[in-house]
Each structure stands twice: as structure tokens, then as C-alpha cells.
Protein backbone atom coordinates (compact mmCIF):
# COMPACT_ATOMS: atom_id res chain seq x y z
CA MET A 1 3.57 -16.99 -12.83
CA SER A 2 3.64 -17.86 -16.35
CA ASN A 3 3.95 -14.37 -17.24
CA SER A 4 6.62 -13.35 -14.95
CA PHE A 5 10.11 -14.13 -16.24
CA VAL A 6 11.69 -12.75 -13.28
CA LEU A 7 9.54 -14.58 -10.98
CA ASN A 8 10.08 -17.86 -12.56
CA MET A 9 13.68 -17.39 -12.44
CA LEU A 10 13.86 -16.81 -8.82
CA ASN A 11 11.61 -19.58 -8.24
CA ARG A 12 13.44 -22.21 -9.95
CA ILE A 13 16.86 -20.69 -8.41
CA TRP A 14 15.32 -21.06 -4.85
CA ASP A 15 13.98 -24.51 -5.87
CA ASN A 16 17.60 -25.57 -6.59
CA ILE A 17 18.83 -24.10 -3.62
CA CYS A 18 16.62 -25.95 -1.25
CA ILE A 19 17.43 -29.29 -3.18
CA PHE A 20 21.03 -28.88 -2.60
CA TYR A 21 20.70 -27.69 1.15
CA ASP A 22 18.79 -30.86 1.89
CA ASN A 23 21.12 -33.14 0.60
CA SER A 24 24.20 -31.22 2.19
CA CYS A 25 26.56 -31.55 4.97
CA LEU A 26 25.73 -28.32 6.51
CA LYS A 27 22.25 -29.27 7.21
CA ALA A 28 23.14 -32.23 9.05
CA ILE A 29 25.82 -30.41 11.10
CA ASN A 30 23.23 -27.42 11.69
CA ARG A 31 21.01 -30.24 12.93
CA ARG A 32 23.56 -31.59 15.13
CA ILE A 33 24.71 -28.39 16.86
CA GLY A 34 20.82 -27.36 16.91
CA ASN A 35 19.66 -30.18 18.78
CA TYR A 36 23.14 -29.66 21.31
CA PHE A 37 22.03 -26.34 22.08
CA LYS A 38 18.38 -27.00 22.54
CA PHE A 39 19.44 -29.64 25.20
CA LEU A 40 21.44 -27.14 27.11
CA SER A 41 18.94 -24.60 26.86
CA ASN A 42 16.16 -26.84 27.96
CA GLY A 43 14.34 -24.73 30.77
CA SER A 44 16.13 -21.70 30.38
CA VAL A 45 14.11 -18.31 30.98
CA VAL A 46 16.22 -16.24 28.86
CA ILE A 47 16.41 -18.74 25.74
CA HIS A 48 12.54 -18.91 26.12
CA PHE A 49 12.05 -15.33 26.06
CA PHE A 50 14.02 -14.80 22.92
CA THR A 51 12.64 -17.72 21.13
CA ASN A 52 9.13 -17.35 21.87
CA GLU A 53 6.72 -17.34 19.39
CA LYS A 54 6.32 -13.44 19.83
CA SER A 55 8.94 -11.04 18.83
CA LEU A 56 10.51 -8.78 21.43
CA PHE A 57 8.60 -5.95 19.95
CA GLN A 58 5.24 -7.91 20.32
CA SER A 59 6.09 -8.89 24.00
CA SER A 60 6.72 -4.94 24.95
CA LEU A 61 4.32 -2.83 26.99
CA PHE A 62 4.35 -0.20 23.94
CA TYR A 63 3.01 -2.93 21.99
CA LYS A 64 0.43 -3.98 24.00
CA VAL A 65 -0.59 -0.41 24.71
CA TYR A 66 -0.74 0.46 20.92
CA THR A 67 -2.99 -2.64 20.04
CA HIS A 68 -5.35 -1.46 22.88
CA LEU A 69 -5.56 1.97 21.67
CA ILE A 70 -5.91 0.63 17.99
CA ASP A 71 -8.79 -1.71 18.91
CA LYS A 72 -10.72 1.03 20.59
CA LEU A 73 -10.04 3.23 17.59
CA MET A 74 -11.59 0.36 15.41
CA CYS A 75 -14.44 0.22 17.70
CA ILE A 76 -15.38 3.84 17.25
CA PHE A 77 -14.98 3.63 13.65
CA TYR A 78 -17.26 0.36 13.40
CA CYS A 79 -19.90 2.19 15.60
CA SER A 80 -19.74 5.52 13.52
CA ARG A 81 -20.05 3.45 10.63
CA ARG A 82 -23.43 1.78 11.63
CA VAL A 83 -24.79 5.77 12.60
CA VAL A 84 -23.75 6.65 8.92
CA LYS A 85 -25.49 3.69 7.35
CA LYS A 86 -28.48 4.06 9.30
CA TYR A 87 -28.68 7.93 7.91
CA LYS A 88 -26.90 7.89 4.56
CA ASP A 89 -30.10 7.76 2.46
CA ASN A 90 -31.30 10.97 3.89
CA SER A 91 -27.75 12.69 3.45
CA PHE A 92 -27.28 15.39 1.18
CA LEU A 93 -23.39 15.36 1.58
CA TYR A 94 -23.36 11.50 0.92
CA LYS A 95 -25.27 11.95 -2.09
CA ALA A 96 -22.92 14.47 -3.61
CA VAL A 97 -20.11 12.69 -2.86
CA SER A 98 -21.07 9.45 -3.98
CA SER A 99 -22.39 11.01 -7.26
CA LEU A 100 -18.67 12.30 -7.65
CA PHE A 101 -17.13 9.05 -7.33
CA GLN A 102 -19.70 6.68 -9.08
CA ASN A 103 -17.28 4.90 -11.52
CA GLU A 104 -13.60 5.33 -12.77
CA GLN A 105 -14.29 7.85 -15.09
CA GLU A 106 -16.60 10.40 -12.80
CA GLY A 107 -13.72 9.87 -10.14
CA PHE A 108 -10.97 10.59 -12.72
CA TYR A 109 -13.01 13.69 -13.70
CA SER A 110 -13.75 15.02 -10.10
CA VAL A 111 -10.02 14.77 -9.58
CA SER A 112 -8.99 16.43 -12.52
CA ILE A 113 -11.31 19.53 -11.85
CA PHE A 114 -10.19 19.35 -8.30
CA ILE A 115 -6.32 19.67 -9.51
CA ILE A 116 -7.45 22.64 -12.05
CA THR A 117 -9.35 24.47 -9.39
CA PHE A 118 -6.70 24.02 -6.66
CA SER A 119 -3.98 25.35 -9.03
CA LEU A 120 -5.78 28.37 -10.32
CA VAL A 121 -6.83 29.38 -6.89
CA THR A 122 -3.56 29.08 -5.42
CA ILE A 123 -1.82 30.80 -8.61
CA THR A 124 -4.37 33.68 -8.05
CA ILE A 125 -3.61 34.00 -4.46
CA ASN A 126 0.13 33.87 -4.86
CA ILE A 127 -0.03 36.53 -7.71
CA ILE A 128 -2.28 38.99 -5.09
CA ARG A 129 0.36 38.55 -2.76
CA GLY A 130 3.05 38.61 -4.77
CA GLY A 131 4.25 35.17 -4.36
CA VAL A 132 7.23 33.25 -5.38
CA ILE A 133 7.65 32.24 -8.83
CA ILE A 134 9.07 29.11 -8.19
CA SER A 135 5.85 27.92 -6.52
CA ASN A 136 3.61 29.21 -9.30
CA LEU A 137 6.13 27.41 -11.84
CA PHE A 138 5.09 24.15 -9.77
CA LEU A 139 1.57 25.04 -9.76
CA LEU A 140 1.39 25.75 -13.46
CA ILE A 141 2.92 22.46 -14.14
CA LEU A 142 0.22 20.73 -11.93
CA LEU A 143 -2.28 22.97 -13.84
CA ILE A 144 -1.23 21.58 -17.23
CA ILE A 145 -1.57 17.98 -15.72
CA GLY A 146 -4.89 18.42 -14.58
CA ILE A 147 -5.72 19.81 -18.01
CA PHE A 148 -4.53 16.97 -19.49
CA MET A 149 -6.20 14.47 -16.96
CA PHE A 150 -9.26 16.50 -17.97
CA ASN A 151 -9.09 16.04 -21.67
CA THR A 152 -8.20 12.52 -21.51
CA ARG A 153 -10.66 11.57 -18.93
CA LYS A 154 -12.92 9.15 -21.47
CA TYR A 155 -9.77 7.23 -22.75
CA PHE A 156 -7.87 7.35 -19.38
CA ALA A 157 -8.69 3.66 -18.60
CA ASP A 158 -7.84 2.70 -22.33
CA ILE A 159 -4.41 4.66 -22.05
CA ILE A 160 -3.55 3.10 -18.82
CA ARG A 161 -4.47 -0.74 -19.87
CA ASN A 162 -2.50 -0.15 -23.28
CA SER A 163 0.41 1.48 -21.68
CA PHE A 164 3.92 -0.46 -22.54
CA PHE A 165 5.42 0.65 -19.10
CA VAL A 166 2.37 -0.45 -16.92
CA ASN A 167 2.18 -3.76 -18.95
CA ILE A 168 5.63 -4.37 -18.28
CA ILE A 169 5.40 -3.58 -14.21
CA LYS A 170 2.28 -5.72 -14.23
CA ASN A 171 3.63 -8.64 -16.15
CA LEU A 172 6.86 -8.56 -13.70
CA PHE A 173 4.64 -9.17 -10.63
CA MET A 174 1.67 -10.99 -11.91
CA ILE A 175 0.85 -14.27 -10.24
CA ASP A 176 -1.58 -16.55 -11.97
CA GLY A 177 -3.89 -18.17 -9.46
């Protein structure tokens, strides 16, 4: 946390609050009141329902059905993953897609080509149909962004790495391990 001034300050404030609370009369009063309510509610089904480790949502029928469906869906995905792994070496489609996203530079290149193609095709279709000018303006901006991405594809990693704004955001939330 040495790089993050905000996180260091928040951590120090929290530590001081914890120290003050541990030595306060409020903690002693809360403990006595809490022990009294624990004694009174001992054996209560309603209190057990609300103080259960599971939340009210996790105890519901909807949650149980939802988790059961998600488990079955994950099982289907794992089974299909095994089948795909078995046949991926002979697949033309798998080789084509994996070659498009070999590394960051190739992935960035593929995304920029997609944005340029999508924008051009959609603008052409809108012009043929007599489309709306506002959507063509948005697509024109998207086309300019795609061309910019295409022209900076070799240097994009360096641009992001040296960006002042990105470094501020990264240092704000960086936690050293």
C-alpha cells in the first residue's frame, strides 16, 4: 500500500477508530446489552432464522433453484470444454480465432479492424437506406476511433503504460503484497 496515499490515510483512520472503540464505554454497554438479548432469545426459532449464518436470500427457495441451475449449466460448460479440447487441434475455426488474439498487439489489431469494418459497413447500409444522420455521425466517430487504434497498435501498450491518468488510477488502488 506504499504507493496509495488515499488507502494509507483510510487505513490509519480505521485503525484509530478501532483503538478508540476498543477502549470506549460504548463497547462495554453494547456487550452487556448484547449478552442480555442473547440470554432472552436463547432457543427462539425466529431469532435463529434471522441470525443464521446464511442470509435471508440464501435461505430462500429461489436461491436454491438458482444455484442448482447454475451448477447444471457449469457442468454443461465443463463437459463441452473437454470435447472442445479434444478436437481443437484439427479445428480450422479455433486456429483462425486463436491466431487473431495471439498477444496484446494482435488482439488490438483485430479489434481495431473489426471497429473499422463495422463502422464502414453500417454507414454504407445507412446511406443506401437513407438512414438517420445522428447514427451516421456516431458511426463516423467510431470509425475515427478505429483508425486511431489501427495507427497506434504498435505503441498502444506503451501509451497505456505511460499514461498519466492510468497511472493515477493504478496508484490509487495499488496494494503491494
